[in-house]
Protein backbone atom coordinates (compact mmCIF):
# COMPACT_ATOMS: atom_id res chain seq x y z
CA UNK A 1 0.00 0.00 0.00
CA UNK A 2 1.50 3.32 -1.08
CA UNK A 3 0.49 5.31 2.01
CA UNK A 4 2.14 2.73 4.29
CA UNK A 5 5.27 2.83 2.16
CA UNK A 6 5.29 6.65 2.29
CA UNK A 7 4.85 6.64 6.08
CA UNK A 8 7.61 4.05 6.50
CA UNK A 9 10.07 5.98 4.32
CA UNK A 10 9.18 9.29 5.97
CA UNK A 11 9.66 7.76 9.41
CA UNK A 12 13.04 6.37 8.36
CA UNK A 13 14.13 9.76 6.98
CA UNK A 14 13.09 11.62 10.14
CA UNK A 15 14.15 9.01 12.71
CA UNK A 16 10.60 8.40 13.88
CA UNK A 17 8.20 5.46 14.07
CA UNK A 18 5.73 4.95 11.19
CA UNK A 19 2.82 5.11 13.65
CA UNK A 20 3.99 8.62 14.65
CA UNK A 21 3.56 9.91 11.07
CA UNK A 22 0.33 11.24 9.60
CA UNK A 23 0.33 12.09 5.90
CA UNK A 24 -1.12 15.54 5.14
CA UNK A 25 -1.49 17.88 2.20
CA UNK A 26 0.92 20.51 3.54
CA UNK A 27 2.83 21.88 6.49
CA UNK A 28 -0.02 24.28 7.13
CA UNK A 29 -2.52 21.44 7.36
CA UNK A 30 -0.29 19.69 9.90
CA UNK A 31 0.12 22.86 11.96
CA UNK A 32 -3.64 23.47 11.85
CA UNK A 33 -4.46 19.92 12.96
CA UNK A 34 -2.57 20.62 16.17
CA UNK A 35 -3.54 24.26 16.70
CA UNK A 36 -7.25 23.75 16.08
CA UNK A 37 -7.36 20.34 17.72
CA UNK A 38 -6.33 21.55 21.17
CA UNK A 39 -9.15 22.23 23.61
CA UNK A 40 -8.20 25.86 24.21
CA UNK A 41 -9.68 27.82 27.11
CA UNK A 42 -10.01 31.60 27.31
CA UNK A 43 -6.74 32.98 28.66
CA UNK A 44 -4.56 30.05 27.53
CA UNK A 45 -1.37 31.21 25.82
CA UNK A 46 0.45 30.12 22.69
CA UNK A 47 4.07 31.27 22.43
CA UNK A 48 5.60 32.02 19.02
CA UNK A 49 8.27 34.39 17.74
CA UNK A 50 8.22 37.45 15.51
CA UNK A 51 9.93 35.66 12.59
CA UNK A 52 7.24 33.04 11.99
CA UNK A 53 5.70 32.24 8.62
CA UNK A 54 2.18 33.68 8.25
CA UNK A 55 0.69 30.16 8.26
CA UNK A 56 1.69 29.82 11.91
CA UNK A 57 1.50 33.47 12.96
CA UNK A 58 -1.96 34.08 11.52
CA UNK A 59 -3.34 30.82 12.92
CA UNK A 60 -2.08 31.83 16.38
CA UNK A 61 -3.84 35.20 16.01
CA UNK A 62 -7.00 33.42 14.84
CA UNK A 63 -7.00 31.43 18.08
CA UNK A 64 -7.31 34.76 19.89
CA UNK A 65 -10.47 35.65 17.98
CA UNK A 66 -12.03 32.19 18.15
CA UNK A 67 -11.10 31.01 21.64
CA UNK A 68 -9.73 33.96 23.59
CA UNK A 69 -6.23 32.51 23.43
CA UNK A 70 -3.41 34.97 24.08
CA UNK A 71 -0.83 34.89 21.31
CA UNK A 72 2.49 35.80 22.96
CA UNK A 73 5.16 36.73 20.43
CA UNK A 74 8.77 36.89 21.57
CA UNK A 75 11.23 39.06 19.67
CA UNK A 76 14.13 37.21 18.05
CA UNK A 77 16.68 38.95 15.86
CA UNK A 78 17.40 37.27 12.50
CA UNK A 79 21.08 36.84 13.48
CA UNK A 80 20.39 35.87 17.10
CA UNK A 81 22.73 33.51 18.88
CA UNK A 82 21.32 30.26 20.27
CA UNK A 83 21.54 31.55 23.84
CA UNK A 84 19.63 34.72 22.91
CA UNK A 85 16.82 32.69 21.32
CA UNK A 86 16.55 30.42 24.34
CA UNK A 87 16.58 33.42 26.69
CA UNK A 88 13.76 35.10 24.72
CA UNK A 89 11.62 31.96 24.69
CA UNK A 90 12.15 31.29 28.41
CA UNK A 91 11.26 34.91 29.20
CA UNK A 92 8.04 34.50 27.20
CA UNK A 93 6.82 31.43 29.08
CA UNK A 94 4.16 32.04 31.73
CA UNK A 95 1.95 29.87 33.92
CA UNK A 96 -0.68 30.06 31.16
CA UNK A 97 1.55 28.92 28.28
CA UNK A 98 -0.21 25.91 26.79
CA UNK A 99 1.89 25.46 23.63
CA UNK A 100 5.17 26.70 22.15
CA UNK A 101 4.99 26.83 18.34
CA UNK A 102 8.10 27.71 16.35
CA UNK A 103 9.65 27.06 12.96
CA UNK A 104 12.73 24.85 12.86
CA UNK A 105 14.29 27.17 10.27
CA UNK A 106 12.80 30.64 9.94
CA UNK A 107 11.61 31.15 6.36
CA UNK A 108 12.44 34.86 6.25
CA UNK A 109 16.07 34.73 7.30
CA UNK A 110 17.27 31.11 7.56
CA UNK A 111 17.78 31.25 11.33
CA UNK A 112 17.92 27.72 12.75
CA UNK A 113 16.04 27.59 16.03
CA UNK A 114 17.49 25.54 18.92
CA UNK A 115 14.49 23.20 18.99
CA UNK A 116 16.10 20.49 21.13
CA UNK A 117 17.00 22.92 23.89
CA UNK A 118 13.64 24.75 23.74
CA UNK A 119 11.81 21.42 23.89
CA UNK A 120 13.81 20.31 26.94
CA UNK A 121 12.96 23.55 28.75
CA UNK A 122 9.30 23.36 27.70
CA UNK A 123 8.95 19.76 28.84
CA UNK A 124 10.41 20.67 32.26
CA UNK A 125 7.33 22.91 32.52
CA UNK A 126 4.91 20.36 30.97
CA UNK A 127 4.45 22.48 27.84
CA UNK A 128 4.24 20.70 24.48
CA UNK A 129 6.15 22.00 21.45
CA UNK A 130 4.90 22.24 17.86
CA UNK A 131 7.56 22.72 15.20
CA UNK A 132 6.97 23.97 11.66
CA UNK A 133 9.55 22.01 9.69
CA UNK A 134 8.68 23.30 6.21
CA UNK A 135 12.12 24.78 5.68
CA UNK A 136 14.16 22.00 7.30
CA UNK A 137 13.04 18.57 6.06
CA UNK A 138 15.12 17.75 3.00
CA UNK A 139 17.34 20.78 3.54
CA UNK A 140 19.10 19.68 6.74
CA UNK A 141 19.20 16.39 8.62
CA UNK A 142 16.17 16.12 10.90
CA UNK A 143 16.25 13.63 13.77
CA UNK A 144 12.90 13.77 15.53
CA UNK A 145 14.02 11.21 18.10
CA UNK A 146 16.73 13.66 19.13
CA UNK A 147 14.65 16.85 18.88
CA UNK A 148 11.97 15.36 21.18
CA UNK A 149 9.35 17.91 20.10
CA UNK A 150 5.76 16.77 20.46
CA UNK A 151 4.53 17.75 17.00
CA UNK A 152 6.45 18.41 13.79
CA UNK A 153 4.67 19.47 10.58
CA UNK A 154 6.54 19.35 7.29
CA UNK A 155 6.24 19.77 3.56
CA UNK A 156 6.76 17.20 0.84
CA UNK A 157 7.04 19.62 -2.06
CA UNK A 158 9.76 21.99 -0.90
CA UNK A 159 13.20 20.58 -0.13
CA UNK A 160 12.07 16.96 -0.64
CA UNK A 161 10.99 17.95 -4.16
CA UNK A 162 7.81 15.92 -3.94
CA UNK A 163 4.54 16.83 -5.63
CA UNK A 164 2.35 19.75 -4.59
CA UNK A 165 -0.18 18.81 -1.94
CA UNK A 166 2.10 16.55 0.08
CA UNK A 167 3.28 16.86 3.63
CA UNK A 168 3.19 15.21 6.99
CA UNK A 169 2.68 15.57 10.69
CA UNK A 170 4.71 13.80 13.36
CA UNK A 171 3.08 13.22 16.73
CA UNK A 172 5.60 11.87 19.24
CA UNK A 173 4.54 8.73 21.05
CA UNK A 174 3.39 9.77 24.49
CA UNK A 175 2.29 13.25 23.40
CA UNK A 176 -1.38 13.97 23.67
CA UNK A 177 -2.76 13.98 20.14
CA UNK A 178 -5.64 16.39 19.59
CA UNK A 179 -6.90 14.27 16.67
C-alpha atoms as a PDB file:
ATOM      1  CA  UNK A   1       0.000   0.000   0.000  1.00  0.00           C
ATOM      2  CA  UNK A   2       1.501   3.320  -1.083  1.00  0.00           C
ATOM      3  CA  UNK A   3       0.488   5.311   2.005  1.00  0.00           C
ATOM      4  CA  UNK A   4       2.136   2.734   4.287  1.00  0.00           C
ATOM      5  CA  UNK A   5       5.272   2.827   2.161  1.00  0.00           C
ATOM      6  CA  UNK A   6       5.289   6.645   2.292  1.00  0.00           C
ATOM      7  CA  UNK A   7       4.852   6.640   6.079  1.00  0.00           C
ATOM      8  CA  UNK A   8       7.615   4.052   6.498  1.00  0.00           C
ATOM      9  CA  UNK A   9      10.070   5.981   4.316  1.00  0.00           C
ATOM     10  CA  UNK A  10       9.175   9.286   5.973  1.00  0.00           C
ATOM     11  CA  UNK A  11       9.661   7.757   9.414  1.00  0.00           C
ATOM     12  CA  UNK A  12      13.042   6.372   8.359  1.00  0.00           C
ATOM     13  CA  UNK A  13      14.130   9.757   6.976  1.00  0.00           C
ATOM     14  CA  UNK A  14      13.091  11.618  10.137  1.00  0.00           C
ATOM     15  CA  UNK A  15      14.154   9.011  12.713  1.00  0.00           C
ATOM     16  CA  UNK A  16      10.600   8.400  13.876  1.00  0.00           C
ATOM     17  CA  UNK A  17       8.205   5.459  14.070  1.00  0.00           C
ATOM     18  CA  UNK A  18       5.732   4.951  11.192  1.00  0.00           C
ATOM     19  CA  UNK A  19       2.822   5.109  13.647  1.00  0.00           C
ATOM     20  CA  UNK A  20       3.989   8.615  14.645  1.00  0.00           C
ATOM     21  CA  UNK A  21       3.562   9.913  11.071  1.00  0.00           C
ATOM     22  CA  UNK A  22       0.329  11.236   9.603  1.00  0.00           C
ATOM     23  CA  UNK A  23       0.329  12.090   5.897  1.00  0.00           C
ATOM     24  CA  UNK A  24      -1.122  15.541   5.144  1.00  0.00           C
ATOM     25  CA  UNK A  25      -1.490  17.882   2.200  1.00  0.00           C
ATOM     26  CA  UNK A  26       0.918  20.509   3.538  1.00  0.00           C
ATOM     27  CA  UNK A  27       2.825  21.876   6.485  1.00  0.00           C
ATOM     28  CA  UNK A  28      -0.022  24.285   7.130  1.00  0.00           C
ATOM     29  CA  UNK A  29      -2.517  21.443   7.360  1.00  0.00           C
ATOM     30  CA  UNK A  30      -0.294  19.686   9.904  1.00  0.00           C
ATOM     31  CA  UNK A  31       0.116  22.859  11.961  1.00  0.00           C
ATOM     32  CA  UNK A  32      -3.645  23.471  11.845  1.00  0.00           C
ATOM     33  CA  UNK A  33      -4.461  19.920  12.959  1.00  0.00           C
ATOM     34  CA  UNK A  34      -2.574  20.619  16.166  1.00  0.00           C
ATOM     35  CA  UNK A  35      -3.540  24.258  16.695  1.00  0.00           C
ATOM     36  CA  UNK A  36      -7.247  23.752  16.076  1.00  0.00           C
ATOM     37  CA  UNK A  37      -7.359  20.339  17.718  1.00  0.00           C
ATOM     38  CA  UNK A  38      -6.334  21.548  21.168  1.00  0.00           C
ATOM     39  CA  UNK A  39      -9.154  22.226  23.608  1.00  0.00           C
ATOM     40  CA  UNK A  40      -8.203  25.856  24.214  1.00  0.00           C
ATOM     41  CA  UNK A  41      -9.683  27.818  27.109  1.00  0.00           C
ATOM     42  CA  UNK A  42     -10.006  31.599  27.312  1.00  0.00           C
ATOM     43  CA  UNK A  43      -6.735  32.982  28.664  1.00  0.00           C
ATOM     44  CA  UNK A  44      -4.560  30.054  27.527  1.00  0.00           C
ATOM     45  CA  UNK A  45      -1.373  31.208  25.819  1.00  0.00           C
ATOM     46  CA  UNK A  46       0.454  30.119  22.694  1.00  0.00           C
ATOM     47  CA  UNK A  47       4.066  31.272  22.434  1.00  0.00           C
ATOM     48  CA  UNK A  48       5.598  32.018  19.019  1.00  0.00           C
ATOM     49  CA  UNK A  49       8.269  34.393  17.744  1.00  0.00           C
ATOM     50  CA  UNK A  50       8.219  37.452  15.510  1.00  0.00           C
ATOM     51  CA  UNK A  51       9.927  35.659  12.592  1.00  0.00           C
ATOM     52  CA  UNK A  52       7.238  33.043  11.986  1.00  0.00           C
ATOM     53  CA  UNK A  53       5.702  32.242   8.617  1.00  0.00           C
ATOM     54  CA  UNK A  54       2.178  33.675   8.249  1.00  0.00           C
ATOM     55  CA  UNK A  55       0.687  30.156   8.255  1.00  0.00           C
ATOM     56  CA  UNK A  56       1.685  29.818  11.909  1.00  0.00           C
ATOM     57  CA  UNK A  57       1.505  33.468  12.965  1.00  0.00           C
ATOM     58  CA  UNK A  58      -1.962  34.079  11.518  1.00  0.00           C
ATOM     59  CA  UNK A  59      -3.338  30.821  12.920  1.00  0.00           C
ATOM     60  CA  UNK A  60      -2.082  31.830  16.377  1.00  0.00           C
ATOM     61  CA  UNK A  61      -3.837  35.196  16.011  1.00  0.00           C
ATOM     62  CA  UNK A  62      -6.999  33.418  14.840  1.00  0.00           C
ATOM     63  CA  UNK A  63      -7.000  31.432  18.080  1.00  0.00           C
ATOM     64  CA  UNK A  64      -7.306  34.761  19.893  1.00  0.00           C
ATOM     65  CA  UNK A  65     -10.468  35.648  17.984  1.00  0.00           C
ATOM     66  CA  UNK A  66     -12.030  32.195  18.151  1.00  0.00           C
ATOM     67  CA  UNK A  67     -11.105  31.006  21.636  1.00  0.00           C
ATOM     68  CA  UNK A  68      -9.735  33.957  23.591  1.00  0.00           C
ATOM     69  CA  UNK A  69      -6.228  32.507  23.434  1.00  0.00           C
ATOM     70  CA  UNK A  70      -3.410  34.971  24.085  1.00  0.00           C
ATOM     71  CA  UNK A  71      -0.828  34.885  21.307  1.00  0.00           C
ATOM     72  CA  UNK A  72       2.485  35.803  22.957  1.00  0.00           C
ATOM     73  CA  UNK A  73       5.162  36.734  20.433  1.00  0.00           C
ATOM     74  CA  UNK A  74       8.770  36.893  21.572  1.00  0.00           C
ATOM     75  CA  UNK A  75      11.228  39.059  19.667  1.00  0.00           C
ATOM     76  CA  UNK A  76      14.125  37.213  18.050  1.00  0.00           C
ATOM     77  CA  UNK A  77      16.682  38.948  15.862  1.00  0.00           C
ATOM     78  CA  UNK A  78      17.400  37.273  12.496  1.00  0.00           C
ATOM     79  CA  UNK A  79      21.077  36.843  13.485  1.00  0.00           C
ATOM     80  CA  UNK A  80      20.393  35.869  17.101  1.00  0.00           C
ATOM     81  CA  UNK A  81      22.726  33.509  18.883  1.00  0.00           C
ATOM     82  CA  UNK A  82      21.322  30.261  20.265  1.00  0.00           C
ATOM     83  CA  UNK A  83      21.542  31.548  23.836  1.00  0.00           C
ATOM     84  CA  UNK A  84      19.627  34.720  22.908  1.00  0.00           C
ATOM     85  CA  UNK A  85      16.823  32.689  21.320  1.00  0.00           C
ATOM     86  CA  UNK A  86      16.547  30.415  24.338  1.00  0.00           C
ATOM     87  CA  UNK A  87      16.582  33.417  26.693  1.00  0.00           C
ATOM     88  CA  UNK A  88      13.762  35.096  24.723  1.00  0.00           C
ATOM     89  CA  UNK A  89      11.624  31.958  24.694  1.00  0.00           C
ATOM     90  CA  UNK A  90      12.148  31.288  28.412  1.00  0.00           C
ATOM     91  CA  UNK A  91      11.259  34.908  29.201  1.00  0.00           C
ATOM     92  CA  UNK A  92       8.039  34.504  27.201  1.00  0.00           C
ATOM     93  CA  UNK A  93       6.816  31.430  29.078  1.00  0.00           C
ATOM     94  CA  UNK A  94       4.155  32.038  31.727  1.00  0.00           C
ATOM     95  CA  UNK A  95       1.951  29.874  33.924  1.00  0.00           C
ATOM     96  CA  UNK A  96      -0.684  30.062  31.164  1.00  0.00           C
ATOM     97  CA  UNK A  97       1.550  28.917  28.285  1.00  0.00           C
ATOM     98  CA  UNK A  98      -0.212  25.914  26.794  1.00  0.00           C
ATOM     99  CA  UNK A  99       1.891  25.459  23.629  1.00  0.00           C
ATOM    100  CA  UNK A 100       5.166  26.705  22.152  1.00  0.00           C
ATOM    101  CA  UNK A 101       4.987  26.829  18.343  1.00  0.00           C
ATOM    102  CA  UNK A 102       8.102  27.705  16.347  1.00  0.00           C
ATOM    103  CA  UNK A 103       9.648  27.062  12.963  1.00  0.00           C
ATOM    104  CA  UNK A 104      12.731  24.850  12.860  1.00  0.00           C
ATOM    105  CA  UNK A 105      14.295  27.168  10.266  1.00  0.00           C
ATOM    106  CA  UNK A 106      12.801  30.637   9.936  1.00  0.00           C
ATOM    107  CA  UNK A 107      11.606  31.148   6.361  1.00  0.00           C
ATOM    108  CA  UNK A 108      12.439  34.859   6.246  1.00  0.00           C
ATOM    109  CA  UNK A 109      16.074  34.734   7.304  1.00  0.00           C
ATOM    110  CA  UNK A 110      17.268  31.114   7.560  1.00  0.00           C
ATOM    111  CA  UNK A 111      17.784  31.252  11.328  1.00  0.00           C
ATOM    112  CA  UNK A 112      17.924  27.723  12.754  1.00  0.00           C
ATOM    113  CA  UNK A 113      16.044  27.589  16.027  1.00  0.00           C
ATOM    114  CA  UNK A 114      17.494  25.537  18.916  1.00  0.00           C
ATOM    115  CA  UNK A 115      14.488  23.196  18.986  1.00  0.00           C
ATOM    116  CA  UNK A 116      16.098  20.485  21.125  1.00  0.00           C
ATOM    117  CA  UNK A 117      17.001  22.922  23.893  1.00  0.00           C
ATOM    118  CA  UNK A 118      13.643  24.747  23.745  1.00  0.00           C
ATOM    119  CA  UNK A 119      11.805  21.418  23.894  1.00  0.00           C
ATOM    120  CA  UNK A 120      13.812  20.307  26.935  1.00  0.00           C
ATOM    121  CA  UNK A 121      12.965  23.547  28.746  1.00  0.00           C
ATOM    122  CA  UNK A 122       9.303  23.365  27.701  1.00  0.00           C
ATOM    123  CA  UNK A 123       8.953  19.756  28.840  1.00  0.00           C
ATOM    124  CA  UNK A 124      10.406  20.667  32.257  1.00  0.00           C
ATOM    125  CA  UNK A 125       7.327  22.909  32.523  1.00  0.00           C
ATOM    126  CA  UNK A 126       4.914  20.358  30.973  1.00  0.00           C
ATOM    127  CA  UNK A 127       4.452  22.478  27.845  1.00  0.00           C
ATOM    128  CA  UNK A 128       4.235  20.697  24.476  1.00  0.00           C
ATOM    129  CA  UNK A 129       6.147  22.000  21.452  1.00  0.00           C
ATOM    130  CA  UNK A 130       4.897  22.245  17.862  1.00  0.00           C
ATOM    131  CA  UNK A 131       7.558  22.720  15.196  1.00  0.00           C
ATOM    132  CA  UNK A 132       6.966  23.965  11.658  1.00  0.00           C
ATOM    133  CA  UNK A 133       9.555  22.015   9.692  1.00  0.00           C
ATOM    134  CA  UNK A 134       8.676  23.295   6.213  1.00  0.00           C
ATOM    135  CA  UNK A 135      12.121  24.775   5.679  1.00  0.00           C
ATOM    136  CA  UNK A 136      14.158  22.005   7.302  1.00  0.00           C
ATOM    137  CA  UNK A 137      13.035  18.573   6.055  1.00  0.00           C
ATOM    138  CA  UNK A 138      15.117  17.751   2.996  1.00  0.00           C
ATOM    139  CA  UNK A 139      17.343  20.780   3.540  1.00  0.00           C
ATOM    140  CA  UNK A 140      19.102  19.683   6.738  1.00  0.00           C
ATOM    141  CA  UNK A 141      19.197  16.388   8.618  1.00  0.00           C
ATOM    142  CA  UNK A 142      16.166  16.123  10.904  1.00  0.00           C
ATOM    143  CA  UNK A 143      16.253  13.630  13.765  1.00  0.00           C
ATOM    144  CA  UNK A 144      12.897  13.767  15.529  1.00  0.00           C
ATOM    145  CA  UNK A 145      14.020  11.215  18.103  1.00  0.00           C
ATOM    146  CA  UNK A 146      16.734  13.658  19.131  1.00  0.00           C
ATOM    147  CA  UNK A 147      14.646  16.853  18.879  1.00  0.00           C
ATOM    148  CA  UNK A 148      11.967  15.355  21.177  1.00  0.00           C
ATOM    149  CA  UNK A 149       9.349  17.914  20.096  1.00  0.00           C
ATOM    150  CA  UNK A 150       5.761  16.769  20.463  1.00  0.00           C
ATOM    151  CA  UNK A 151       4.530  17.753  17.004  1.00  0.00           C
ATOM    152  CA  UNK A 152       6.447  18.412  13.791  1.00  0.00           C
ATOM    153  CA  UNK A 153       4.673  19.472  10.579  1.00  0.00           C
ATOM    154  CA  UNK A 154       6.540  19.348   7.287  1.00  0.00           C
ATOM    155  CA  UNK A 155       6.238  19.772   3.563  1.00  0.00           C
ATOM    156  CA  UNK A 156       6.764  17.196   0.844  1.00  0.00           C
ATOM    157  CA  UNK A 157       7.041  19.618  -2.064  1.00  0.00           C
ATOM    158  CA  UNK A 158       9.759  21.990  -0.895  1.00  0.00           C
ATOM    159  CA  UNK A 159      13.200  20.576  -0.129  1.00  0.00           C
ATOM    160  CA  UNK A 160      12.071  16.959  -0.637  1.00  0.00           C
ATOM    161  CA  UNK A 161      10.995  17.949  -4.164  1.00  0.00           C
ATOM    162  CA  UNK A 162       7.806  15.924  -3.942  1.00  0.00           C
ATOM    163  CA  UNK A 163       4.544  16.827  -5.634  1.00  0.00           C
ATOM    164  CA  UNK A 164       2.346  19.748  -4.588  1.00  0.00           C
ATOM    165  CA  UNK A 165      -0.178  18.809  -1.944  1.00  0.00           C
ATOM    166  CA  UNK A 166       2.104  16.548   0.075  1.00  0.00           C
ATOM    167  CA  UNK A 167       3.281  16.861   3.633  1.00  0.00           C
ATOM    168  CA  UNK A 168       3.194  15.208   6.988  1.00  0.00           C
ATOM    169  CA  UNK A 169       2.684  15.572  10.693  1.00  0.00           C
ATOM    170  CA  UNK A 170       4.706  13.796  13.357  1.00  0.00           C
ATOM    171  CA  UNK A 171       3.076  13.225  16.726  1.00  0.00           C
ATOM    172  CA  UNK A 172       5.602  11.868  19.238  1.00  0.00           C
ATOM    173  CA  UNK A 173       4.543   8.726  21.048  1.00  0.00           C
ATOM    174  CA  UNK A 174       3.389   9.769  24.494  1.00  0.00           C
ATOM    175  CA  UNK A 175       2.294  13.251  23.398  1.00  0.00           C
ATOM    176  CA  UNK A 176      -1.384  13.974  23.671  1.00  0.00           C
ATOM    177  CA  UNK A 177      -2.758  13.982  20.144  1.00  0.00           C
ATOM    178  CA  UNK A 178      -5.643  16.391  19.586  1.00  0.00           C
ATOM    179  CA  UNK A 179      -6.896  14.271  16.666  1.00  0.00           C
END
